[in-house]
Amino acid sequence: MINFTLEELMVMASRKAEEADLKVNAVNGHLTIFKFTTHWKIYPGTPDLDGGKGRKEIRELQGFDTLEEALKDYILRD
């Protein structure tokens, strides 16, 4: 993959979230970035952490060593 700056990756990820919103009207253009002790995760939308469903979805996401890697994965994810 071509090397992009963090700012460019953020713009691409934001656009993807907005495009997803247009397709299903469910994400509302939101993109949630998680920094855990050992890794980063990107979640499309706002997870339901109170109801438990979102916690399971976050747990199942792959973690990445850097924010850049997590953003690249999100951008390329189907």
PDB file of N, CA and C in Angstrom:
ATOM      1  N   MET A   1       0.846  -1.172   0.000  1.00  0.00           N
ATOM      2  CA  MET A   1       0.000   0.000   0.000  1.00  0.00           C
ATOM      3  C   MET A   1       0.891   1.235   0.000  1.00  0.00           C
ATOM      4  N   ILE A   2       0.439   2.251  -0.665  1.00  0.00           N
ATOM      5  CA  ILE A   2       1.155   3.521  -0.695  1.00  0.00           C
ATOM      6  C   ILE A   2       1.195   4.090   0.719  1.00  0.00           C
ATOM      7  N   ASN A   3       2.264   4.774   1.047  1.00  0.00           N
ATOM      8  CA  ASN A   3       2.355   5.411   2.359  1.00  0.00           C
ATOM      9  C   ASN A   3       1.538   6.694   2.373  1.00  0.00           C
ATOM     10  N   PHE A   4       0.621   6.777   3.319  1.00  0.00           N
ATOM     11  CA  PHE A   4      -0.195   7.966   3.507  1.00  0.00           C
ATOM     12  C   PHE A   4       0.103   8.544   4.877  1.00  0.00           C
ATOM     13  N   THR A   5      -0.114   9.843   5.022  1.00  0.00           N
ATOM     14  CA  THR A   5       0.035  10.458   6.334  1.00  0.00           C
ATOM     15  C   THR A   5      -1.160  10.070   7.195  1.00  0.00           C
ATOM     16  N   LEU A   6      -1.011  10.243   8.493  1.00  0.00           N
ATOM     17  CA  LEU A   6      -2.112   9.959   9.406  1.00  0.00           C
ATOM     18  C   LEU A   6      -3.324  10.819   9.053  1.00  0.00           C
ATOM     19  N   GLU A   7      -3.089  12.063   8.715  1.00  0.00           N
ATOM     20  CA  GLU A   7      -4.192  12.957   8.336  1.00  0.00           C
ATOM     21  C   GLU A   7      -4.919  12.443   7.093  1.00  0.00           C
ATOM     22  N   GLU A   8      -4.183  11.986   6.093  1.00  0.00           N
ATOM     23  CA  GLU A   8      -4.807  11.445   4.880  1.00  0.00           C
ATOM     24  C   GLU A   8      -5.614  10.189   5.194  1.00  0.00           C
ATOM     25  N   LEU A   9      -5.077   9.327   6.052  1.00  0.00           N
ATOM     26  CA  LEU A   9      -5.809   8.117   6.441  1.00  0.00           C
ATOM     27  C   LEU A   9      -7.094   8.472   7.182  1.00  0.00           C
ATOM     28  N   MET A  10      -7.043   9.481   8.054  1.00  0.00           N
ATOM     29  CA  MET A  10      -8.242   9.910   8.783  1.00  0.00           C
ATOM     30  C   MET A  10      -9.309  10.430   7.818  1.00  0.00           C
ATOM     31  N   VAL A  11      -8.900  11.184   6.817  1.00  0.00           N
ATOM     32  CA  VAL A  11      -9.845  11.699   5.821  1.00  0.00           C
ATOM     33  C   VAL A  11     -10.482  10.541   5.059  1.00  0.00           C
ATOM     34  N   MET A  12      -9.674   9.575   4.636  1.00  0.00           N
ATOM     35  CA  MET A  12     -10.215   8.426   3.902  1.00  0.00           C
ATOM     36  C   MET A  12     -11.170   7.611   4.770  1.00  0.00           C
ATOM     37  N   ALA A  13     -10.824   7.402   6.030  1.00  0.00           N
ATOM     38  CA  ALA A  13     -11.691   6.647   6.938  1.00  0.00           C
ATOM     39  C   ALA A  13     -12.995   7.401   7.185  1.00  0.00           C
ATOM     40  N   SER A  14     -12.912   8.710   7.339  1.00  0.00           N
ATOM     41  CA  SER A  14     -14.123   9.522   7.537  1.00  0.00           C
ATOM     42  C   SER A  14     -15.034   9.449   6.326  1.00  0.00           C
ATOM     43  N   ARG A  15     -14.451   9.508   5.150  1.00  0.00           N
ATOM     44  CA  ARG A  15     -15.254   9.399   3.922  1.00  0.00           C
ATOM     45  C   ARG A  15     -15.936   8.042   3.837  1.00  0.00           C
ATOM     46  N   LYS A  16     -15.212   6.990   4.195  1.00  0.00           N
ATOM     47  CA  LYS A  16     -15.809   5.655   4.161  1.00  0.00           C
ATOM     48  C   LYS A  16     -16.988   5.582   5.119  1.00  0.00           C
ATOM     49  N   ALA A  17     -16.853   6.137   6.311  1.00  0.00           N
ATOM     50  CA  ALA A  17     -17.952   6.134   7.283  1.00  0.00           C
ATOM     51  C   ALA A  17     -19.147   6.909   6.745  1.00  0.00           C
ATOM     52  N   GLU A  18     -18.904   8.036   6.098  1.00  0.00           N
ATOM     53  CA  GLU A  18     -19.989   8.828   5.516  1.00  0.00           C
ATOM     54  C   GLU A  18     -20.662   8.079   4.369  1.00  0.00           C
ATOM     55  N   GLU A  19     -19.879   7.395   3.541  1.00  0.00           N
ATOM     56  CA  GLU A  19     -20.447   6.615   2.439  1.00  0.00           C
ATOM     57  C   GLU A  19     -21.300   5.472   2.973  1.00  0.00           C
ATOM     58  N   ALA A  20     -20.862   4.836   4.037  1.00  0.00           N
ATOM     59  CA  ALA A  20     -21.647   3.761   4.656  1.00  0.00           C
ATOM     60  C   ALA A  20     -22.976   4.306   5.150  1.00  0.00           C
ATOM     61  N   ASP A  21     -22.965   5.516   5.681  1.00  0.00           N
ATOM     62  CA  ASP A  21     -24.189   6.153   6.160  1.00  0.00           C
ATOM     63  C   ASP A  21     -25.172   6.339   5.013  1.00  0.00           C
ATOM     64  N   LEU A  22     -24.684   6.745   3.874  1.00  0.00           N
ATOM     65  CA  LEU A  22     -25.562   6.953   2.723  1.00  0.00           C
ATOM     66  C   LEU A  22     -26.183   5.646   2.249  1.00  0.00           C
ATOM     67  N   LYS A  23     -25.446   4.543   2.363  1.00  0.00           N
ATOM     68  CA  LYS A  23     -25.940   3.246   1.891  1.00  0.00           C
ATOM     69  C   LYS A  23     -27.002   2.652   2.806  1.00  0.00           C
ATOM     70  N   VAL A  24     -26.797   2.733   4.114  1.00  0.00           N
ATOM     71  CA  VAL A  24     -27.714   2.050   5.036  1.00  0.00           C
ATOM     72  C   VAL A  24     -28.338   2.965   6.082  1.00  0.00           C
ATOM     73  N   ASN A  25     -27.938   4.210   6.093  1.00  0.00           N
ATOM     74  CA  ASN A  25     -28.469   5.190   7.043  1.00  0.00           C
ATOM     75  C   ASN A  25     -28.403   4.685   8.487  1.00  0.00           C
ATOM     76  N   ALA A  26     -27.298   4.036   8.843  1.00  0.00           N
ATOM     77  CA  ALA A  26     -27.190   3.508  10.198  1.00  0.00           C
ATOM     78  C   ALA A  26     -25.947   3.994  10.938  1.00  0.00           C
ATOM     79  N   VAL A  27     -24.908   4.350  10.237  1.00  0.00           N
ATOM     80  CA  VAL A  27     -23.653   4.704  10.881  1.00  0.00           C
ATOM     81  C   VAL A  27     -23.617   6.183  11.278  1.00  0.00           C
ATOM     82  N   ASN A  28     -24.346   7.019  10.576  1.00  0.00           N
ATOM     83  CA  ASN A  28     -24.386   8.460  10.834  1.00  0.00           C
ATOM     84  C   ASN A  28     -23.027   9.132  10.701  1.00  0.00           C
ATOM     85  N   GLY A  29     -22.168   8.548   9.896  1.00  0.00           N
ATOM     86  CA  GLY A  29     -20.853   9.131   9.666  1.00  0.00           C
ATOM     87  C   GLY A  29     -19.904   9.012  10.843  1.00  0.00           C
ATOM     88  N   HIS A  30     -20.329   8.323  11.898  1.00  0.00           N
ATOM     89  CA  HIS A  30     -19.473   8.180  13.075  1.00  0.00           C
ATOM     90  C   HIS A  30     -18.432   7.092  12.852  1.00  0.00           C
ATOM     91  N   LEU A  31     -17.292   7.297  13.454  1.00  0.00           N
ATOM     92  CA  LEU A  31     -16.193   6.347  13.415  1.00  0.00           C
ATOM     93  C   LEU A  31     -15.556   6.387  14.799  1.00  0.00           C
ATOM     94  N   THR A  32     -15.486   5.250  15.468  1.00  0.00           N
ATOM     95  CA  THR A  32     -14.957   5.208  16.825  1.00  0.00           C
ATOM     96  C   THR A  32     -13.570   4.577  16.818  1.00  0.00           C
ATOM     97  N   ILE A  33     -12.606   5.289  17.392  1.00  0.00           N
ATOM     98  CA  ILE A  33     -11.229   4.817  17.465  1.00  0.00           C
ATOM     99  C   ILE A  33     -10.935   4.434  18.912  1.00  0.00           C
ATOM    100  N   PHE A  34     -10.485   3.201  19.098  1.00  0.00           N
ATOM    101  CA  PHE A  34     -10.149   2.704  20.428  1.00  0.00           C
ATOM    102  C   PHE A  34      -8.645   2.512  20.542  1.00  0.00           C
ATOM    103  N   LYS A  35      -8.057   3.009  21.626  1.00  0.00           N
ATOM    104  CA  LYS A  35      -6.652   2.749  21.950  1.00  0.00           C
ATOM    105  C   LYS A  35      -6.650   1.938  23.236  1.00  0.00           C
ATOM    106  N   PHE A  36      -6.284   0.677  23.113  1.00  0.00           N
ATOM    107  CA  PHE A  36      -6.164  -0.200  24.267  1.00  0.00           C
ATOM    108  C   PHE A  36      -4.697  -0.244  24.694  1.00  0.00           C
ATOM    109  N   THR A  37      -4.394  -0.938  25.751  1.00  0.00           N
ATOM    110  CA  THR A  37      -3.026  -0.995  26.271  1.00  0.00           C
ATOM    111  C   THR A  37      -2.031  -1.467  25.213  1.00  0.00           C
ATOM    112  N   THR A  38      -2.426  -2.470  24.440  1.00  0.00           N
ATOM    113  CA  THR A  38      -1.477  -3.071  23.496  1.00  0.00           C
ATOM    114  C   THR A  38      -1.861  -2.929  22.034  1.00  0.00           C
ATOM    115  N   HIS A  39      -3.003  -2.315  21.728  1.00  0.00           N
ATOM    116  CA  HIS A  39      -3.417  -2.252  20.327  1.00  0.00           C
ATOM    117  C   HIS A  39      -4.495  -1.188  20.088  1.00  0.00           C
ATOM    118  N   TRP A  40      -4.762  -0.954  18.799  1.00  0.00           N
ATOM    119  CA  TRP A  40      -5.780  -0.009  18.329  1.00  0.00           C
ATOM    120  C   TRP A  40      -6.870  -0.780  17.600  1.00  0.00           C
ATOM    121  N   LYS A  41      -8.106  -0.265  17.663  1.00  0.00           N
ATOM    122  CA  LYS A  41      -9.228  -0.832  16.913  1.00  0.00           C
ATOM    123  C   LYS A  41     -10.078   0.309  16.364  1.00  0.00           C
ATOM    124  N   ILE A  42     -10.674   0.081  15.193  1.00  0.00           N
ATOM    125  CA  ILE A  42     -11.561   1.054  14.559  1.00  0.00           C
ATOM    126  C   ILE A  42     -12.933   0.420  14.425  1.00  0.00           C
ATOM    127  N   TYR A  43     -13.950   1.124  14.896  1.00  0.00           N
ATOM    128  CA  TYR A  43     -15.328   0.625  14.836  1.00  0.00           C
ATOM    129  C   TYR A  43     -16.167   1.599  14.022  1.00  0.00           C
ATOM    130  N   PRO A  44     -16.875   1.111  12.987  1.00  0.00           N
ATOM    131  CA  PRO A  44     -17.748   1.995  12.212  1.00  0.00           C
ATOM    132  C   PRO A  44     -19.018   2.294  13.002  1.00  0.00           C
ATOM    133  N   GLY A  45     -19.263   3.559  13.254  1.00  0.00           N
ATOM    134  CA  GLY A  45     -20.446   3.936  14.015  1.00  0.00           C
ATOM    135  C   GLY A  45     -20.117   4.138  15.480  1.00  0.00           C
ATOM    136  N   THR A  46     -21.159   4.114  16.301  1.00  0.00           N
ATOM    137  CA  THR A  46     -21.011   4.254  17.745  1.00  0.00           C
ATOM    138  C   THR A  46     -21.482   2.958  18.388  1.00  0.00           C
ATOM    139  N   PRO A  47     -20.594   2.209  19.016  1.00  0.00           N
ATOM    140  CA  PRO A  47     -20.995   0.919  19.583  1.00  0.00           C
ATOM    141  C   PRO A  47     -21.913   1.093  20.792  1.00  0.00           C
ATOM    142  N   ASP A  48     -22.810   0.140  20.972  1.00  0.00           N
ATOM    143  CA  ASP A  48     -23.703   0.121  22.128  1.00  0.00           C
ATOM    144  C   ASP A  48     -22.969  -0.571  23.271  1.00  0.00           C
ATOM    145  N   LEU A  49     -22.217   0.196  24.024  1.00  0.00           N
ATOM    146  CA  LEU A  49     -21.438  -0.386  25.113  1.00  0.00           C
ATOM    147  C   LEU A  49     -22.294  -0.663  26.339  1.00  0.00           C
ATOM    148  N   ASP A  50     -23.421   0.014  26.481  1.00  0.00           N
ATOM    149  CA  ASP A  50     -24.293  -0.198  27.633  1.00  0.00           C
ATOM    150  C   ASP A  50     -25.058  -1.510  27.534  1.00  0.00           C
ATOM    151  N   GLY A  51     -25.512  -1.856  26.331  1.00  0.00           N
ATOM    152  CA  GLY A  51     -26.314  -3.056  26.158  1.00  0.00           C
ATOM    153  C   GLY A  51     -25.511  -4.337  26.027  1.00  0.00           C
ATOM    154  N   GLY A  52     -24.223  -4.230  25.850  1.00  0.00           N
ATOM    155  CA  GLY A  52     -23.390  -5.420  25.750  1.00  0.00           C
ATOM    156  C   GLY A  52     -23.097  -5.864  24.334  1.00  0.00           C
ATOM    157  N   LYS A  53     -24.008  -5.584  23.395  1.00  0.00           N
ATOM    158  CA  LYS A  53     -23.794  -5.999  22.004  1.00  0.00           C
ATOM    159  C   LYS A  53     -22.526  -5.355  21.441  1.00  0.00           C
ATOM    160  N   GLY A  54     -22.364  -4.075  21.705  1.00  0.00           N
ATOM    161  CA  GLY A  54     -21.196  -3.360  21.205  1.00  0.00           C
ATOM    162  C   GLY A  54     -19.897  -3.879  21.783  1.00  0.00           C
ATOM    163  N   ARG A  55     -19.933  -4.283  23.048  1.00  0.00           N
ATOM    164  CA  ARG A  55     -18.723  -4.828  23.678  1.00  0.00           C
ATOM    165  C   ARG A  55     -18.263  -6.091  22.952  1.00  0.00           C
ATOM    166  N   LYS A  56     -19.211  -6.937  22.581  1.00  0.00           N
ATOM    167  CA  LYS A  56     -18.885  -8.169  21.850  1.00  0.00           C
ATOM    168  C   LYS A  56     -18.306  -7.823  20.482  1.00  0.00           C
ATOM    169  N   GLU A  57     -18.932  -6.856  19.792  1.00  0.00           N
ATOM    170  CA  GLU A  57     -18.453  -6.457  18.467  1.00  0.00           C
ATOM    171  C   GLU A  57     -17.036  -5.891  18.542  1.00  0.00           C
ATOM    172  N   ILE A  58     -16.763  -5.083  19.552  1.00  0.00           N
ATOM    173  CA  ILE A  58     -15.424  -4.515  19.720  1.00  0.00           C
ATOM    174  C   ILE A  58     -14.415  -5.620  20.029  1.00  0.00           C
ATOM    175  N   ARG A  59     -14.791  -6.537  20.900  1.00  0.00           N
ATOM    176  CA  ARG A  59     -13.900  -7.639  21.274  1.00  0.00           C
ATOM    177  C   ARG A  59     -13.515  -8.468  20.046  1.00  0.00           C
ATOM    178  N   GLU A  60     -14.445  -8.625  19.096  1.00  0.00           N
ATOM    179  CA  GLU A  60     -14.200  -9.456  17.920  1.00  0.00           C
ATOM    180  C   GLU A  60     -13.372  -8.757  16.842  1.00  0.00           C
ATOM    181  N   LEU A  61     -13.222  -7.440  16.929  1.00  0.00           N
ATOM    182  CA  LEU A  61     -12.413  -6.726  15.948  1.00  0.00           C
ATOM    183  C   LEU A  61     -10.941  -7.058  16.135  1.00  0.00           C
ATOM    184  N   GLN A  62     -10.219  -7.122  15.033  1.00  0.00           N
ATOM    185  CA  GLN A  62      -8.779  -7.349  15.103  1.00  0.00           C
ATOM    186  C   GLN A  62      -8.100  -6.100  15.652  1.00  0.00           C
ATOM    187  N   GLY A  63      -7.106  -6.286  16.497  1.00  0.00           N
ATOM    188  CA  GLY A  63      -6.328  -5.172  17.026  1.00  0.00           C
ATOM    189  C   GLY A  63      -5.058  -4.973  16.211  1.00  0.00           C
ATOM    190  N   PHE A  64      -4.563  -3.736  16.183  1.00  0.00           N
ATOM    191  CA  PHE A  64      -3.363  -3.404  15.413  1.00  0.00           C
ATOM    192  C   PHE A  64      -2.374  -2.644  16.287  1.00  0.00           C
ATOM    193  N   ASP A  65      -1.099  -2.800  15.986  1.00  0.00           N
ATOM    194  CA  ASP A  65      -0.043  -2.160  16.774  1.00  0.00           C
ATOM    195  C   ASP A  65      -0.067  -0.639  16.680  1.00  0.00           C
ATOM    196  N   THR A  66      -0.486  -0.110  15.530  1.00  0.00           N
ATOM    197  CA  THR A  66      -0.485   1.344  15.342  1.00  0.00           C
ATOM    198  C   THR A  66      -1.843   1.818  14.845  1.00  0.00           C
ATOM    199  N   LEU A  67      -2.101   3.095  15.074  1.00  0.00           N
ATOM    200  CA  LEU A  67      -3.330   3.698  14.562  1.00  0.00           C
ATOM    201  C   LEU A  67      -3.346   3.646  13.039  1.00  0.00           C
ATOM    202  N   GLU A  68      -2.202   3.867  12.425  1.00  0.00           N
ATOM    203  CA  GLU A  68      -2.121   3.827  10.967  1.00  0.00           C
ATOM    204  C   GLU A  68      -2.541   2.464  10.423  1.00  0.00           C
ATOM    205  N   GLU A  69      -2.066   1.387  11.045  1.00  0.00           N
ATOM    206  CA  GLU A  69      -2.439   0.036  10.605  1.00  0.00           C
ATOM    207  C   GLU A  69      -3.936  -0.198  10.777  1.00  0.00           C
ATOM    208  N   ALA A  70      -4.488   0.258  11.887  1.00  0.00           N
ATOM    209  CA  ALA A  70      -5.920   0.083  12.140  1.00  0.00           C
ATOM    210  C   ALA A  70      -6.749   0.851  11.119  1.00  0.00           C
ATOM    211  N   LEU A  71      -6.335   2.068  10.791  1.00  0.00           N
ATOM    212  CA  LEU A  71      -7.060   2.863   9.797  1.00  0.00           C
ATOM    213  C   LEU A  71      -6.984   2.215   8.419  1.00  0.00           C
ATOM    214  N   LYS A  72      -5.804   1.736   8.031  1.00  0.00           N
ATOM    215  CA  LYS A  72      -5.662   1.072   6.733  1.00  0.00           C
ATOM    216  C   LYS A  72      -6.577  -0.147   6.658  1.00  0.00           C
ATOM    217  N   ASP A  73      -6.633  -0.929   7.734  1.00  0.00           N
ATOM    218  CA  ASP A  73      -7.520  -2.092   7.754  1.00  0.00           C
ATOM    219  C   ASP A  73      -8.972  -1.663   7.589  1.00  0.00           C
ATOM    220  N   TYR A  74      -9.395  -0.639   8.311  1.00  0.00           N
ATOM    221  CA  TYR A  74     -10.783  -0.166   8.210  1.00  0.00           C
ATOM    222  C   TYR A  74     -11.093   0.309   6.791  1.00  0.00           C
ATOM    223  N   ILE A  75     -10.188   1.063   6.205  1.00  0.00           N
ATOM    224  CA  ILE A  75     -10.405   1.605   4.859  1.00  0.00           C
ATOM    225  C   ILE A  75     -10.560   0.475   3.843  1.00  0.00           C
ATOM    226  N   LEU A  76      -9.786  -0.594   3.994  1.00  0.00           N
ATOM    227  CA  LEU A  76      -9.822  -1.706   3.041  1.00  0.00           C
ATOM    228  C   LEU A  76     -10.864  -2.762   3.382  1.00  0.00           C
ATOM    229  N   ARG A  77     -11.435  -2.694   4.585  1.00  0.00           N
ATOM    230  CA  ARG A  77     -12.424  -3.679   5.045  1.00  0.00           C
ATOM    231  C   ARG A  77     -13.705  -3.555   4.228  1.00  0.00           C
ATOM    232  N   ASP A  78     -14.324  -4.715   3.914  1.00  0.00           N
ATOM    233  CA  ASP A  78     -15.598  -4.699   3.170  1.00  0.00           C
ATOM    234  C   ASP A  78     -16.747  -4.339   4.062  1.00  0.00           C
TER     235      ASP A  78
END
